[in-house]
Amino acid sequence: MAAARKDCPTASAKPADAVKPATAPDAGPPASKAPAAALPQPGQITVNVYNATPRSGLAKAVGDELKKRGFTVGHVGNAPADFDKKVQGTGILLGSPRTDKAAYSVLGTQLTGLTTQTDAREGADIDLILGDAFKELSTKEDADKALAVLANPAPTPSARC
């Protein structure tokens, strides 16, 4: 019979004994995993919005809405020739290989079905290139819910216990 691990609660353990709250005075240093606060705020993310569809005014409308939702909007206009009329899906998030992956995730809460690509840019800005399948941004309520889940993911049960 395998010995029970010290960090795994037993069936007889009381819930308060099983896990110490993170706010306990003797909780020690924070865990090595980044806390929820590590996600960038929308205002810390600069988004360039480009329209790769034949629909006029789409980039401006989406850029205006993202600005209302707190994002910093940079350039807005037609997609570069490499992408113009060539994006079949909802859209592409395009940034530097050094762009914070969490920024992609935060921006991704605003619409579904995006793909992510990198290019040779130096900056941290992200291009949102809208494709033919784009209909609309997620509702603000749905985007806020997705962002809350992203910031506070539910713990996954451990199979080891």
C-alpha atoms as a PDB file:
ATOM      1  CA  MET A   1       0.000   0.000   0.000  1.00  0.00           C
ATOM      2  CA  ALA A   2       1.439   3.373  -0.977  1.00  0.00           C
ATOM      3  CA  ALA A   3       2.004   5.907   1.787  1.00  0.00           C
ATOM      4  CA  ALA A   4      -0.152   9.025   1.701  1.00  0.00           C
ATOM      5  CA  ARG A   5       1.660  12.149   0.568  1.00  0.00           C
ATOM      6  CA  LYS A   6       2.054  14.895   3.148  1.00  0.00           C
ATOM      7  CA  ASP A   7       0.632  17.540   0.810  1.00  0.00           C
ATOM      8  CA  CYS A   8      -2.493  15.508  -0.028  1.00  0.00           C
ATOM      9  CA  PRO A   9      -5.506  15.833   2.266  1.00  0.00           C
ATOM     10  CA  THR A  10      -6.830  12.616   3.708  1.00  0.00           C
ATOM     11  CA  ALA A  11     -10.469  11.681   3.950  1.00  0.00           C
ATOM     12  CA  SER A  12     -10.337  12.336   7.708  1.00  0.00           C
ATOM     13  CA  ALA A  13      -8.742  15.762   7.356  1.00  0.00           C
ATOM     14  CA  LYS A  14     -10.930  18.742   8.067  1.00  0.00           C
ATOM     15  CA  PRO A  15     -11.151  21.263   5.196  1.00  0.00           C
ATOM     16  CA  ALA A  16      -9.439  23.943   7.295  1.00  0.00           C
ATOM     17  CA  ASP A  17      -6.570  21.522   7.999  1.00  0.00           C
ATOM     18  CA  ALA A  18      -6.179  20.535   4.362  1.00  0.00           C
ATOM     19  CA  VAL A  19      -5.310  23.914   2.891  1.00  0.00           C
ATOM     20  CA  LYS A  20      -3.969  27.034   4.576  1.00  0.00           C
ATOM     21  CA  PRO A  21      -5.430  30.242   3.204  1.00  0.00           C
ATOM     22  CA  ALA A  22      -2.920  32.309   1.258  1.00  0.00           C
ATOM     23  CA  THR A  23      -3.604  35.247   3.575  1.00  0.00           C
ATOM     24  CA  ALA A  24      -2.419  33.410   6.681  1.00  0.00           C
ATOM     25  CA  PRO A  25       0.408  35.269   8.458  1.00  0.00           C
ATOM     26  CA  ASP A  26       2.699  32.230   8.188  1.00  0.00           C
ATOM     27  CA  ALA A  27       1.909  31.579   4.527  1.00  0.00           C
ATOM     28  CA  GLY A  28       5.516  32.397   3.574  1.00  0.00           C
ATOM     29  CA  PRO A  29       6.655  33.705   0.208  1.00  0.00           C
ATOM     30  CA  PRO A  30       4.255  33.588  -2.735  1.00  0.00           C
ATOM     31  CA  ALA A  31       4.224  30.480  -4.863  1.00  0.00           C
ATOM     32  CA  SER A  32       6.453  30.411  -7.923  1.00  0.00           C
ATOM     33  CA  LYS A  33       3.414  30.335 -10.223  1.00  0.00           C
ATOM     34  CA  ALA A  34       2.459  33.855 -11.284  1.00  0.00           C
ATOM     35  CA  PRO A  35      -0.551  35.216  -9.402  1.00  0.00           C
ATOM     36  CA  ALA A  36      -3.729  36.281 -11.159  1.00  0.00           C
ATOM     37  CA  ALA A  37      -2.498  39.898 -11.049  1.00  0.00           C
ATOM     38  CA  ALA A  38       0.230  38.960 -13.562  1.00  0.00           C
ATOM     39  CA  LEU A  39      -2.230  39.388 -16.441  1.00  0.00           C
ATOM     40  CA  PRO A  40      -1.790  42.694 -18.225  1.00  0.00           C
ATOM     41  CA  GLN A  41      -4.691  45.097 -17.996  1.00  0.00           C
ATOM     42  CA  PRO A  42      -6.369  45.950 -21.318  1.00  0.00           C
ATOM     43  CA  GLY A  43      -4.908  49.475 -21.145  1.00  0.00           C
ATOM     44  CA  GLN A  44      -1.404  47.982 -21.098  1.00  0.00           C
ATOM     45  CA  ILE A  45      -2.015  46.247 -24.434  1.00  0.00           C
ATOM     46  CA  THR A  46      -1.618  48.240 -27.643  1.00  0.00           C
ATOM     47  CA  VAL A  47      -3.757  46.780 -30.416  1.00  0.00           C
ATOM     48  CA  ASN A  48      -3.489  47.730 -34.073  1.00  0.00           C
ATOM     49  CA  VAL A  49      -6.747  46.807 -35.820  1.00  0.00           C
ATOM     50  CA  TYR A  50      -6.604  45.898 -39.501  1.00  0.00           C
ATOM     51  CA  ASN A  51      -9.413  44.887 -41.834  1.00  0.00           C
ATOM     52  CA  ALA A  52      -8.602  42.052 -44.241  1.00  0.00           C
ATOM     53  CA  THR A  53     -12.205  41.842 -45.470  1.00  0.00           C
ATOM     54  CA  PRO A  54     -14.059  43.767 -48.187  1.00  0.00           C
ATOM     55  CA  ARG A  55     -16.369  45.284 -45.517  1.00  0.00           C
ATOM     56  CA  SER A  56     -15.778  49.028 -45.272  1.00  0.00           C
ATOM     57  CA  GLY A  57     -15.262  50.618 -41.848  1.00  0.00           C
ATOM     58  CA  LEU A  58     -14.850  47.329 -39.967  1.00  0.00           C
ATOM     59  CA  ALA A  59     -11.424  48.093 -38.449  1.00  0.00           C
ATOM     60  CA  LYS A  60     -12.591  51.492 -37.193  1.00  0.00           C
ATOM     61  CA  ALA A  61     -15.755  50.057 -35.598  1.00  0.00           C
ATOM     62  CA  VAL A  62     -13.810  47.260 -33.877  1.00  0.00           C
ATOM     63  CA  GLY A  63     -11.038  49.656 -32.804  1.00  0.00           C
ATOM     64  CA  ASP A  64     -13.585  52.052 -31.312  1.00  0.00           C
ATOM     65  CA  GLU A  65     -15.225  49.237 -29.339  1.00  0.00           C
ATOM     66  CA  LEU A  66     -11.879  47.890 -28.078  1.00  0.00           C
ATOM     67  CA  LYS A  67     -11.010  51.416 -26.944  1.00  0.00           C
ATOM     68  CA  LYS A  68     -14.319  51.574 -25.024  1.00  0.00           C
ATOM     69  CA  ARG A  69     -13.333  48.280 -23.378  1.00  0.00           C
ATOM     70  CA  GLY A  70     -10.085  49.797 -22.148  1.00  0.00           C
ATOM     71  CA  PHE A  71      -7.539  48.663 -24.730  1.00  0.00           C
ATOM     72  CA  THR A  72      -4.990  51.080 -26.147  1.00  0.00           C
ATOM     73  CA  VAL A  73      -5.684  51.237 -29.873  1.00  0.00           C
ATOM     74  CA  GLY A  74      -2.798  52.128 -32.164  1.00  0.00           C
ATOM     75  CA  HIS A  75      -3.093  51.976 -35.946  1.00  0.00           C
ATOM     76  CA  VAL A  76      -6.455  51.301 -37.572  1.00  0.00           C
ATOM     77  CA  GLY A  77      -6.963  50.614 -41.257  1.00  0.00           C
ATOM     78  CA  ASN A  78      -6.775  48.111 -44.068  1.00  0.00           C
ATOM     79  CA  ALA A  79      -4.663  45.001 -43.609  1.00  0.00           C
ATOM     80  CA  PRO A  80      -1.171  44.865 -45.125  1.00  0.00           C
ATOM     81  CA  ALA A  81      -0.986  43.267 -48.587  1.00  0.00           C
ATOM     82  CA  ASP A  82       0.283  39.965 -47.120  1.00  0.00           C
ATOM     83  CA  PHE A  83      -3.071  39.563 -45.343  1.00  0.00           C
ATOM     84  CA  ASP A  84      -5.573  41.696 -47.274  1.00  0.00           C
ATOM     85  CA  LYS A  85      -8.483  39.498 -48.442  1.00  0.00           C
ATOM     86  CA  LYS A  86      -6.468  36.408 -47.439  1.00  0.00           C
ATOM     87  CA  VAL A  87      -7.688  35.711 -43.881  1.00  0.00           C
ATOM     88  CA  GLN A  88     -10.408  33.066 -44.041  1.00  0.00           C
ATOM     89  CA  GLY A  89     -11.063  32.673 -40.311  1.00  0.00           C
ATOM     90  CA  THR A  90     -12.206  35.116 -37.654  1.00  0.00           C
ATOM     91  CA  GLY A  91      -8.852  36.793 -37.450  1.00  0.00           C
ATOM     92  CA  ILE A  92      -5.183  36.689 -36.584  1.00  0.00           C
ATOM     93  CA  LEU A  93      -3.297  38.075 -33.615  1.00  0.00           C
ATOM     94  CA  LEU A  94       0.140  39.034 -34.884  1.00  0.00           C
ATOM     95  CA  GLY A  95       2.987  40.140 -32.642  1.00  0.00           C
ATOM     96  CA  SER A  96       6.639  39.791 -31.757  1.00  0.00           C
ATOM     97  CA  PRO A  97       8.042  36.472 -30.545  1.00  0.00           C
ATOM     98  CA  ARG A  98       8.770  38.384 -27.327  1.00  0.00           C
ATOM     99  CA  THR A  99       5.193  39.649 -26.904  1.00  0.00           C
ATOM    100  CA  ASP A 100       3.778  38.569 -23.562  1.00  0.00           C
ATOM    101  CA  LYS A 101       1.618  35.506 -24.238  1.00  0.00           C
ATOM    102  CA  ALA A 102      -0.789  36.690 -21.553  1.00  0.00           C
ATOM    103  CA  ALA A 103      -1.487  39.782 -23.670  1.00  0.00           C
ATOM    104  CA  TYR A 104      -2.658  37.506 -26.498  1.00  0.00           C
ATOM    105  CA  SER A 105      -4.925  35.712 -24.020  1.00  0.00           C
ATOM    106  CA  VAL A 106      -6.408  38.939 -22.655  1.00  0.00           C
ATOM    107  CA  LEU A 107      -7.090  40.246 -26.150  1.00  0.00           C
ATOM    108  CA  GLY A 108      -8.445  36.834 -27.151  1.00  0.00           C
ATOM    109  CA  THR A 109     -11.249  37.185 -24.598  1.00  0.00           C
ATOM    110  CA  GLN A 110     -12.812  39.795 -26.879  1.00  0.00           C
ATOM    111  CA  LEU A 111     -13.476  37.414 -29.788  1.00  0.00           C
ATOM    112  CA  THR A 112     -13.219  33.723 -30.491  1.00  0.00           C
ATOM    113  CA  GLY A 113     -11.640  31.713 -33.270  1.00  0.00           C
ATOM    114  CA  LEU A 114      -8.388  33.646 -33.547  1.00  0.00           C
ATOM    115  CA  THR A 115      -5.050  32.239 -34.595  1.00  0.00           C
ATOM    116  CA  THR A 116      -1.744  33.603 -33.323  1.00  0.00           C
ATOM    117  CA  GLN A 117       1.327  34.355 -35.414  1.00  0.00           C
ATOM    118  CA  THR A 118       4.611  36.153 -34.904  1.00  0.00           C
ATOM    119  CA  ASP A 119       6.677  38.421 -37.095  1.00  0.00           C
ATOM    120  CA  ALA A 120      10.000  40.263 -36.822  1.00  0.00           C
ATOM    121  CA  ARG A 121       8.686  43.391 -35.040  1.00  0.00           C
ATOM    122  CA  GLU A 122      10.526  44.716 -32.029  1.00  0.00           C
ATOM    123  CA  GLY A 123       7.622  46.300 -30.118  1.00  0.00           C
ATOM    124  CA  ALA A 124       5.059  44.725 -27.829  1.00  0.00           C
ATOM    125  CA  ASP A 125       2.024  45.863 -29.829  1.00  0.00           C
ATOM    126  CA  ILE A 126      -0.315  43.262 -31.277  1.00  0.00           C
ATOM    127  CA  ASP A 127      -2.044  43.430 -34.647  1.00  0.00           C
ATOM    128  CA  LEU A 128      -5.616  42.192 -34.760  1.00  0.00           C
ATOM    129  CA  ILE A 129      -6.248  41.337 -38.408  1.00  0.00           C
ATOM    130  CA  LEU A 130      -9.944  40.759 -38.983  1.00  0.00           C
ATOM    131  CA  GLY A 131     -10.803  37.936 -41.374  1.00  0.00           C
ATOM    132  CA  ASP A 132     -13.765  36.937 -43.517  1.00  0.00           C
ATOM    133  CA  ALA A 133     -15.408  34.866 -40.752  1.00  0.00           C
ATOM    134  CA  PHE A 134     -15.441  37.801 -38.314  1.00  0.00           C
ATOM    135  CA  LYS A 135     -18.985  38.781 -37.381  1.00  0.00           C
ATOM    136  CA  GLU A 136     -18.634  40.790 -34.175  1.00  0.00           C
ATOM    137  CA  LEU A 137     -16.733  41.046 -30.925  1.00  0.00           C
ATOM    138  CA  SER A 138     -17.933  38.959 -28.014  1.00  0.00           C
ATOM    139  CA  THR A 139     -20.421  40.841 -25.907  1.00  0.00           C
ATOM    140  CA  LYS A 140     -18.780  42.908 -23.200  1.00  0.00           C
ATOM    141  CA  GLU A 141     -20.390  40.663 -20.578  1.00  0.00           C
ATOM    142  CA  ASP A 142     -19.048  37.465 -22.193  1.00  0.00           C
ATOM    143  CA  ALA A 143     -15.600  39.015 -22.640  1.00  0.00           C
ATOM    144  CA  ASP A 144     -15.561  40.126 -18.988  1.00  0.00           C
ATOM    145  CA  LYS A 145     -16.543  36.619 -17.861  1.00  0.00           C
ATOM    146  CA  ALA A 146     -13.802  35.068 -20.008  1.00  0.00           C
ATOM    147  CA  LEU A 147     -11.279  37.540 -18.606  1.00  0.00           C
ATOM    148  CA  ALA A 148     -12.348  36.692 -15.039  1.00  0.00           C
ATOM    149  CA  VAL A 149     -11.861  32.973 -15.719  1.00  0.00           C
ATOM    150  CA  LEU A 150      -8.477  33.720 -17.279  1.00  0.00           C
ATOM    151  CA  ALA A 151      -7.452  35.748 -14.223  1.00  0.00           C
ATOM    152  CA  ASN A 152      -8.743  33.179 -11.717  1.00  0.00           C
ATOM    153  CA  PRO A 153      -8.688  29.729 -13.304  1.00  0.00           C
ATOM    154  CA  ALA A 154     -10.385  26.966 -11.382  1.00  0.00           C
ATOM    155  CA  PRO A 155      -7.858  24.655  -9.794  1.00  0.00           C
ATOM    156  CA  THR A 156      -7.535  21.329 -11.489  1.00  0.00           C
ATOM    157  CA  PRO A 157      -7.835  18.317  -9.240  1.00  0.00           C
ATOM    158  CA  SER A 158      -4.637  16.400  -8.734  1.00  0.00           C
ATOM    159  CA  ALA A 159      -4.635  12.793  -9.849  1.00  0.00           C
ATOM    160  CA  ARG A 160      -1.778  12.059  -7.453  1.00  0.00           C
ATOM    161  CA  CYS A 161      -3.819  12.372  -4.282  1.00  0.00           C
END
